[in-house]
PDB file of all heavy atoms in Angstrom:
ATOM      1  N   PHE A   1      62.064 113.643  79.894  1.00  0.00           N
ATOM      2  CA  PHE A   1      62.799 113.057  81.008  1.00  0.00           C
ATOM      3  C   PHE A   1      64.239 113.577  81.031  1.00  0.00           C
ATOM      4  O   PHE A   1      64.770 113.960  82.078  1.00  0.00           O
ATOM      5  CB  PHE A   1      62.778 111.534  80.860  1.00  0.00           C
ATOM      6  CG  PHE A   1      63.124 110.776  82.104  1.00  0.00           C
ATOM      7  CD1 PHE A   1      62.300 110.827  83.214  1.00  0.00           C
ATOM      8  CD2 PHE A   1      64.261 109.996  82.161  1.00  0.00           C
ATOM      9  CE1 PHE A   1      62.609 110.120  84.363  1.00  0.00           C
ATOM     10  CE2 PHE A   1      64.591 109.287  83.300  1.00  0.00           C
ATOM     11  CZ  PHE A   1      63.756 109.347  84.414  1.00  0.00           C
ATOM     12  N   ILE A   2      64.876 113.602  79.856  1.00  0.00           N
ATOM     13  CA  ILE A   2      66.263 114.049  79.751  1.00  0.00           C
ATOM     14  C   ILE A   2      66.373 115.540  80.060  1.00  0.00           C
ATOM     15  O   ILE A   2      67.277 115.981  80.778  1.00  0.00           O
ATOM     16  CB  ILE A   2      66.811 113.750  78.342  1.00  0.00           C
ATOM     17  CG1 ILE A   2      66.851 112.232  78.113  1.00  0.00           C
ATOM     18  CG2 ILE A   2      68.185 114.365  78.145  1.00  0.00           C
ATOM     19  CD1 ILE A   2      67.172 111.840  76.685  1.00  0.00           C
ATOM     20  N   GLU A   3      65.445 116.325  79.522  1.00  0.00           N
ATOM     21  CA  GLU A   3      65.497 117.764  79.739  1.00  0.00           C
ATOM     22  C   GLU A   3      65.247 118.115  81.202  1.00  0.00           C
ATOM     23  O   GLU A   3      65.858 119.043  81.744  1.00  0.00           O
ATOM     24  CB  GLU A   3      64.489 118.457  78.822  1.00  0.00           C
ATOM     25  CG  GLU A   3      64.905 118.384  77.346  1.00  0.00           C
ATOM     26  CD  GLU A   3      63.858 118.941  76.403  1.00  0.00           C
ATOM     27  OE1 GLU A   3      62.849 119.476  76.903  1.00  0.00           O
ATOM     28  OE2 GLU A   3      64.055 118.847  75.182  1.00  0.00           O
ATOM     29  N   LEU A   4      64.360 117.351  81.857  1.00  0.00           N
ATOM     30  CA  LEU A   4      64.112 117.585  83.282  1.00  0.00           C
ATOM     31  C   LEU A   4      65.374 117.304  84.098  1.00  0.00           C
ATOM     32  O   LEU A   4      65.713 118.050  85.019  1.00  0.00           O
ATOM     33  CB  LEU A   4      62.969 116.702  83.777  1.00  0.00           C
ATOM     34  CG  LEU A   4      62.648 116.786  85.274  1.00  0.00           C
ATOM     35  CD1 LEU A   4      62.272 118.210  85.651  1.00  0.00           C
ATOM     36  CD2 LEU A   4      61.539 115.813  85.646  1.00  0.00           C
ATOM     37  N   ALA A   5      66.082 116.229  83.730  1.00  0.00           N
ATOM     38  CA  ALA A   5      67.325 115.912  84.424  1.00  0.00           C
ATOM     39  C   ALA A   5      68.320 117.051  84.273  1.00  0.00           C
ATOM     40  O   ALA A   5      69.017 117.425  85.228  1.00  0.00           O
ATOM     41  CB  ALA A   5      67.915 114.613  83.877  1.00  0.00           C
ATOM     42  N   GLY A   6      68.411 117.607  83.057  1.00  0.00           N
ATOM     43  CA  GLY A   6      69.308 118.732  82.831  1.00  0.00           C
ATOM     44  C   GLY A   6      68.944 119.925  83.697  1.00  0.00           C
ATOM     45  O   GLY A   6      69.820 120.605  84.239  1.00  0.00           O
ATOM     46  N   GLU A   7      67.640 120.180  83.834  1.00  0.00           N
ATOM     47  CA  GLU A   7      67.187 121.305  84.651  1.00  0.00           C
ATOM     48  C   GLU A   7      67.559 121.120  86.115  1.00  0.00           C
ATOM     49  O   GLU A   7      67.998 122.059  86.784  1.00  0.00           O
ATOM     50  CB  GLU A   7      65.669 121.458  84.521  1.00  0.00           C
ATOM     51  CG  GLU A   7      65.202 121.917  83.146  1.00  0.00           C
ATOM     52  CD  GLU A   7      63.691 121.920  83.023  1.00  0.00           C
ATOM     53  OE1 GLU A   7      63.016 121.787  84.077  1.00  0.00           O
ATOM     54  OE2 GLU A   7      63.179 122.029  81.902  1.00  0.00           O
ATOM     55  N   ILE A   8      67.401 119.893  86.609  1.00  0.00           N
ATOM     56  CA  ILE A   8      67.730 119.625  88.010  1.00  0.00           C
ATOM     57  C   ILE A   8      69.215 119.808  88.264  1.00  0.00           C
ATOM     58  O   ILE A   8      69.628 120.451  89.240  1.00  0.00           O
ATOM     59  CB  ILE A   8      67.295 118.193  88.402  1.00  0.00           C
ATOM     60  CG1 ILE A   8      65.762 118.092  88.383  1.00  0.00           C
ATOM     61  CG2 ILE A   8      67.847 117.808  89.773  1.00  0.00           C
ATOM     62  CD1 ILE A   8      65.239 116.682  88.525  1.00  0.00           C
ATOM     63  N   ASN A   9      70.041 119.269  87.370  1.00  0.00           N
ATOM     64  CA  ASN A   9      71.488 119.397  87.560  1.00  0.00           C
ATOM     65  C   ASN A   9      71.949 120.847  87.475  1.00  0.00           C
ATOM     66  O   ASN A   9      72.873 121.255  88.194  1.00  0.00           O
ATOM     67  CB  ASN A   9      72.226 118.536  86.532  1.00  0.00           C
ATOM     68  CG  ASN A   9      72.089 117.052  86.819  1.00  0.00           C
ATOM     69  OD1 ASN A   9      71.944 116.647  87.970  1.00  0.00           O
ATOM     70  ND2 ASN A   9      72.152 116.234  85.774  1.00  0.00           N
ATOM     71  N   LEU A  10      71.296 121.625  86.613  1.00  0.00           N
ATOM     72  CA  LEU A  10      71.653 123.039  86.510  1.00  0.00           C
ATOM     73  C   LEU A  10      71.249 123.834  87.752  1.00  0.00           C
ATOM     74  O   LEU A  10      71.802 124.908  88.022  1.00  0.00           O
ATOM     75  CB  LEU A  10      70.997 123.654  85.268  1.00  0.00           C
ATOM     76  CG  LEU A  10      71.588 123.245  83.909  1.00  0.00           C
ATOM     77  CD1 LEU A  10      70.732 123.781  82.772  1.00  0.00           C
ATOM     78  CD2 LEU A  10      73.027 123.737  83.766  1.00  0.00           C
ATOM     79  N   ARG A  11      70.292 123.305  88.509  1.00  0.00           N
ATOM     80  CA  ARG A  11      69.834 123.980  89.732  1.00  0.00           C
ATOM     81  C   ARG A  11      70.814 123.832  90.882  1.00  0.00           C
ATOM     82  O   ARG A  11      70.808 124.627  91.834  1.00  0.00           O
ATOM     83  CB  ARG A  11      68.478 123.410  90.182  1.00  0.00           C
ATOM     84  CG  ARG A  11      67.278 123.885  89.389  1.00  0.00           C
ATOM     85  CD  ARG A  11      66.010 123.155  89.842  1.00  0.00           C
ATOM     86  NE  ARG A  11      65.748 123.291  91.276  1.00  0.00           N
ATOM     87  CZ  ARG A  11      64.823 122.589  91.926  1.00  0.00           C
ATOM     88  NH1 ARG A  11      64.111 121.682  91.286  1.00  0.00           N
ATOM     89  NH2 ARG A  11      64.630 122.781  93.220  1.00  0.00           N
ATOM     90  N   MET A  12      71.650 122.812  90.833  1.00  0.00           N
ATOM     91  CA  MET A  12      72.445 122.468  92.006  1.00  0.00           C
ATOM     92  C   MET A  12      73.423 123.549  92.466  1.00  0.00           C
ATOM     93  O   MET A  12      73.585 123.765  93.675  1.00  0.00           O
ATOM     94  CB  MET A  12      73.167 121.139  91.785  1.00  0.00           C
ATOM     95  CG  MET A  12      72.230 119.948  91.670  1.00  0.00           C
ATOM     96  SD  MET A  12      71.037 119.821  93.033  1.00  0.00           S
ATOM     97  CE  MET A  12      72.116 119.432  94.416  1.00  0.00           C
ATOM     98  N   PRO A  13      74.112 124.274  91.562  1.00  0.00           N
ATOM     99  CA  PRO A  13      74.958 125.373  92.066  1.00  0.00           C
ATOM    100  C   PRO A  13      74.154 126.407  92.847  1.00  0.00           C
ATOM    101  O   PRO A  13      74.630 126.961  93.847  1.00  0.00           O
ATOM    102  CB  PRO A  13      75.557 125.965  90.791  1.00  0.00           C
ATOM    103  CG  PRO A  13      75.523 124.846  89.797  1.00  0.00           C
ATOM    104  CD  PRO A  13      74.269 124.092  90.104  1.00  0.00           C
ATOM    105  N   TYR A  14      72.924 126.668  92.393  1.00  0.00           N
ATOM    106  CA  TYR A  14      72.056 127.610  93.104  1.00  0.00           C
ATOM    107  C   TYR A  14      71.700 127.072  94.486  1.00  0.00           C
ATOM    108  O   TYR A  14      71.627 127.826  95.462  1.00  0.00           O
ATOM    109  CB  TYR A  14      70.786 127.868  92.296  1.00  0.00           C
ATOM    110  CG  TYR A  14      71.018 128.575  90.983  1.00  0.00           C
ATOM    111  CD1 TYR A  14      71.334 127.866  89.828  1.00  0.00           C
ATOM    112  CD2 TYR A  14      70.927 129.963  90.895  1.00  0.00           C
ATOM    113  CE1 TYR A  14      71.559 128.515  88.633  1.00  0.00           C
ATOM    114  CE2 TYR A  14      71.136 130.633  89.693  1.00  0.00           C
ATOM    115  CZ  TYR A  14      71.464 129.892  88.563  1.00  0.00           C
ATOM    116  OH  TYR A  14      71.677 130.545  87.375  1.00  0.00           O
ATOM    117  N   PHE A  15      71.480 125.757  94.564  1.00  0.00           N
ATOM    118  CA  PHE A  15      71.162 125.134  95.842  1.00  0.00           C
ATOM    119  C   PHE A  15      72.341 125.235  96.809  1.00  0.00           C
ATOM    120  O   PHE A  15      72.164 125.495  98.002  1.00  0.00           O
ATOM    121  CB  PHE A  15      70.771 123.672  95.619  1.00  0.00           C
ATOM    122  CG  PHE A  15      70.497 122.910  96.891  1.00  0.00           C
ATOM    123  CD1 PHE A  15      69.465 123.286  97.738  1.00  0.00           C
ATOM    124  CD2 PHE A  15      71.280 121.821  97.238  1.00  0.00           C
ATOM    125  CE1 PHE A  15      69.210 122.592  98.914  1.00  0.00           C
ATOM    126  CE2 PHE A  15      71.024 121.112  98.404  1.00  0.00           C
ATOM    127  CZ  PHE A  15      69.998 121.500  99.249  1.00  0.00           C
ATOM    128  N   VAL A  16      73.553 125.025  96.299  1.00  0.00           N
ATOM    129  CA  VAL A  16      74.744 125.145  97.144  1.00  0.00           C
ATOM    130  C   VAL A  16      74.850 126.560  97.704  1.00  0.00           C
ATOM    131  O   VAL A  16      75.125 126.763  98.900  1.00  0.00           O
ATOM    132  CB  VAL A  16      76.019 124.764  96.361  1.00  0.00           C
ATOM    133  CG1 VAL A  16      77.271 125.115  97.166  1.00  0.00           C
ATOM    134  CG2 VAL A  16      76.018 123.284  96.013  1.00  0.00           C
ATOM    135  N   VAL A  17      74.637 127.549  96.858  1.00  0.00           N
ATOM    136  CA  VAL A  17      74.694 128.939  97.318  1.00  0.00           C
ATOM    137  C   VAL A  17      73.596 129.201  98.342  1.00  0.00           C
ATOM    138  O   VAL A  17      73.804 129.925  99.333  1.00  0.00           O
ATOM    139  CB  VAL A  17      74.584 129.907  96.119  1.00  0.00           C
ATOM    140  CG1 VAL A  17      74.439 131.357  96.592  1.00  0.00           C
ATOM    141  CG2 VAL A  17      75.808 129.763  95.226  1.00  0.00           C
ATOM    142  N   ASP A  18      72.430 128.604  98.140  1.00  0.00           N
ATOM    143  CA  ASP A  18      71.341 128.744  99.111  1.00  0.00           C
ATOM    144  C   ASP A  18      71.743 128.144 100.462  1.00  0.00           C
ATOM    145  O   ASP A  18      71.448 128.720 101.523  1.00  0.00           O
ATOM    146  CB  ASP A  18      70.082 128.060  98.578  1.00  0.00           C
ATOM    147  CG  ASP A  18      68.911 128.182  99.539  1.00  0.00           C
ATOM    148  OD1 ASP A  18      68.508 129.322  99.848  1.00  0.00           O
ATOM    149  OD2 ASP A  18      68.399 127.129  99.983  1.00  0.00           O
ATOM    150  N   LYS A  19      72.425 126.984 100.427  1.00  0.00           N
ATOM    151  CA  LYS A  19      72.897 126.372 101.671  1.00  0.00           C
ATOM    152  C   LYS A  19      73.900 127.284 102.374  1.00  0.00           C
ATOM    153  O   LYS A  19      73.872 127.417 103.603  1.00  0.00           O
ATOM    154  CB  LYS A  19      73.554 125.023 101.371  1.00  0.00           C
ATOM    155  CG  LYS A  19      72.617 123.944 100.882  1.00  0.00           C
ATOM    156  CD  LYS A  19      71.777 123.337 101.998  1.00  0.00           C
ATOM    157  CE  LYS A  19      72.559 122.364 102.842  1.00  0.00           C
ATOM    158  NZ  LYS A  19      71.671 121.583 103.744  1.00  0.00           N
ATOM    159  N   VAL A  20      74.785 127.905 101.601  1.00  0.00           N
ATOM    160  CA  VAL A  20      75.750 128.839 102.175  1.00  0.00           C
ATOM    161  C   VAL A  20      75.022 130.026 102.816  1.00  0.00           C
ATOM    162  O   VAL A  20      75.327 130.435 103.942  1.00  0.00           O
ATOM    163  CB  VAL A  20      76.733 129.337 101.099  1.00  0.00           C
ATOM    164  CG1 VAL A  20      77.623 130.458 101.651  1.00  0.00           C
ATOM    165  CG2 VAL A  20      77.596 128.190 100.588  1.00  0.00           C
ATOM    166  N   THR A  21      74.040 130.553 102.101  1.00  0.00           N
ATOM    167  CA  THR A  21      73.283 131.706 102.604  1.00  0.00           C
ATOM    168  C   THR A  21      72.599 131.384 103.916  1.00  0.00           C
ATOM    169  O   THR A  21      72.679 132.148 104.896  1.00  0.00           O
ATOM    170  CB  THR A  21      72.243 132.149 101.559  1.00  0.00           C
ATOM    171  OG1 THR A  21      72.905 132.469 100.338  1.00  0.00           O
ATOM    172  CG2 THR A  21      71.457 133.354 102.058  1.00  0.00           C
ATOM    173  N   ARG A  22      71.926 130.226 103.962  1.00  0.00           N
ATOM    174  CA  ARG A  22      71.200 129.848 105.178  1.00  0.00           C
ATOM    175  C   ARG A  22      72.159 129.565 106.338  1.00  0.00           C
ATOM    176  O   ARG A  22      71.891 129.914 107.494  1.00  0.00           O
ATOM    177  CB  ARG A  22      70.324 128.625 104.911  1.00  0.00           C
ATOM    178  CG  ARG A  22      69.042 128.963 104.122  1.00  0.00           C
ATOM    179  CD  ARG A  22      68.144 127.763 104.000  1.00  0.00           C
ATOM    180  NE  ARG A  22      68.576 126.858 102.933  1.00  0.00           N
ATOM    181  CZ  ARG A  22      68.425 125.547 102.966  1.00  0.00           C
ATOM    182  NH1 ARG A  22      67.921 124.953 104.032  1.00  0.00           N
ATOM    183  NH2 ARG A  22      68.809 124.811 101.946  1.00  0.00           N
ATOM    184  N   ALA A  23      73.280 128.920 106.025  1.00  0.00           N
ATOM    185  CA  ALA A  23      74.252 128.609 107.079  1.00  0.00           C
ATOM    186  C   ALA A  23      74.838 129.885 107.672  1.00  0.00           C
ATOM    187  O   ALA A  23      75.054 129.983 108.892  1.00  0.00           O
ATOM    188  CB  ALA A  23      75.359 127.732 106.509  1.00  0.00           C
ATOM    189  N   MET A  24      75.096 130.871 106.805  1.00  0.00           N
ATOM    190  CA  MET A  24      75.653 132.133 107.305  1.00  0.00           C
ATOM    191  C   MET A  24      74.593 132.949 108.037  1.00  0.00           C
ATOM    192  O   MET A  24      74.890 133.601 109.046  1.00  0.00           O
ATOM    193  CB  MET A  24      76.258 132.918 106.147  1.00  0.00           C
ATOM    194  CG  MET A  24      77.502 132.242 105.577  1.00  0.00           C
ATOM    195  SD  MET A  24      78.363 133.217 104.336  1.00  0.00           S
ATOM    196  CE  MET A  24      78.892 134.625 105.297  1.00  0.00           C
ATOM    197  N   ASN A  25      73.366 132.909 107.547  1.00  0.00           N
ATOM    198  CA  ASN A  25      72.285 133.606 108.249  1.00  0.00           C
ATOM    199  C   ASN A  25      72.123 133.075 109.665  1.00  0.00           C
ATOM    200  O   ASN A  25      71.858 133.832 110.605  1.00  0.00           O
ATOM    201  CB  ASN A  25      70.968 133.447 107.487  1.00  0.00           C
ATOM    202  CG  ASN A  25      70.858 134.389 106.308  1.00  0.00           C
ATOM    203  OD1 ASN A  25      71.605 135.359 106.216  1.00  0.00           O
ATOM    204  ND2 ASN A  25      69.929 134.110 105.404  1.00  0.00           N
ATOM    205  N   ALA A  26      72.280 131.761 109.811  1.00  0.00           N
ATOM    206  CA  ALA A  26      72.146 131.158 111.141  1.00  0.00           C
ATOM    207  C   ALA A  26      73.222 131.654 112.086  1.00  0.00           C
ATOM    208  O   ALA A  26      73.073 131.581 113.317  1.00  0.00           O
ATOM    209  CB  ALA A  26      72.208 129.631 111.024  1.00  0.00           C
ATOM    210  N   ARG A  27      74.300 132.167 111.512  1.00  0.00           N
ATOM    211  CA  ARG A  27      75.406 132.725 112.308  1.00  0.00           C
ATOM    212  C   ARG A  27      75.403 134.247 112.259  1.00  0.00           C
ATOM    213  O   ARG A  27      76.400 134.887 112.577  1.00  0.00           O
ATOM    214  CB  ARG A  27      76.732 132.157 111.798  1.00  0.00           C
ATOM    215  CG  ARG A  27      76.898 130.680 112.155  1.00  0.00           C
ATOM    216  CD  ARG A  27      77.890 129.965 111.271  1.00  0.00           C
ATOM    217  NE  ARG A  27      78.081 128.585 111.700  1.00  0.00           N
ATOM    218  CZ  ARG A  27      77.233 127.585 111.449  1.00  0.00           C
ATOM    219  NH1 ARG A  27      76.108 127.823 110.775  1.00  0.00           N
ATOM    220  NH2 ARG A  27      77.483 126.360 111.889  1.00  0.00           N
ATOM    221  N   LYS A  28      74.266 134.796 111.832  1.00  0.00           N
ATOM    222  CA  LYS A  28      74.048 136.245 111.789  1.00  0.00           C
ATOM    223  C   LYS A  28      75.078 136.958 110.902  1.00  0.00           C
ATOM    224  O   LYS A  28      75.592 138.028 111.226  1.00  0.00           O
ATOM    225  CB  LYS A  28      74.048 136.851 113.205  1.00  0.00           C
ATOM    226  CG  LYS A  28      73.011 136.244 114.131  1.00  0.00           C
ATOM    227  CD  LYS A  28      72.945 136.979 115.442  1.00  0.00           C
ATOM    228  CE  LYS A  28      72.013 136.296 116.428  1.00  0.00           C
ATOM    229  NZ  LYS A  28      70.732 135.881 115.876  1.00  0.00           N
ATOM    230  N   LYS A  29      75.386 136.335 109.758  1.00  0.00           N
ATOM    231  CA  LYS A  29      76.292 136.923 108.788  1.00  0.00           C
ATOM    232  C   LYS A  29      75.604 137.010 107.430  1.00  0.00           C
ATOM    233  O   LYS A  29      74.821 136.136 107.072  1.00  0.00           O
ATOM    234  CB  LYS A  29      77.581 136.102 108.665  1.00  0.00           C
ATOM    235  CG  LYS A  29      78.522 136.233 109.853  1.00  0.00           C
ATOM    236  CD  LYS A  29      79.802 135.466 109.622  1.00  0.00           C
ATOM    237  CE  LYS A  29      80.788 135.696 110.760  1.00  0.00           C
ATOM    238  NZ  LYS A  29      81.304 137.093 110.770  1.00  0.00           N
ATOM    239  N   ALA A  30      75.940 138.050 106.668  1.00  0.00           N
ATOM    240  CA  ALA A  30      75.376 138.229 105.332  1.00  0.00           C
ATOM    241  C   ALA A  30      76.388 137.780 104.286  1.00  0.00           C
ATOM    242  O   ALA A  30      77.598 137.842 104.499  1.00  0.00           O
ATOM    243  CB  ALA A  30      75.015 139.690 105.104  1.00  0.00           C
TER     244      ALA A  30
END
């Protein structure tokens, strides 16, 4: 349970970058 929580929290910076990527793609920017 604890290790899974650590994995999820470590994923969040990647998720933020993914949100940035998708938001910029929607505006036709790389």
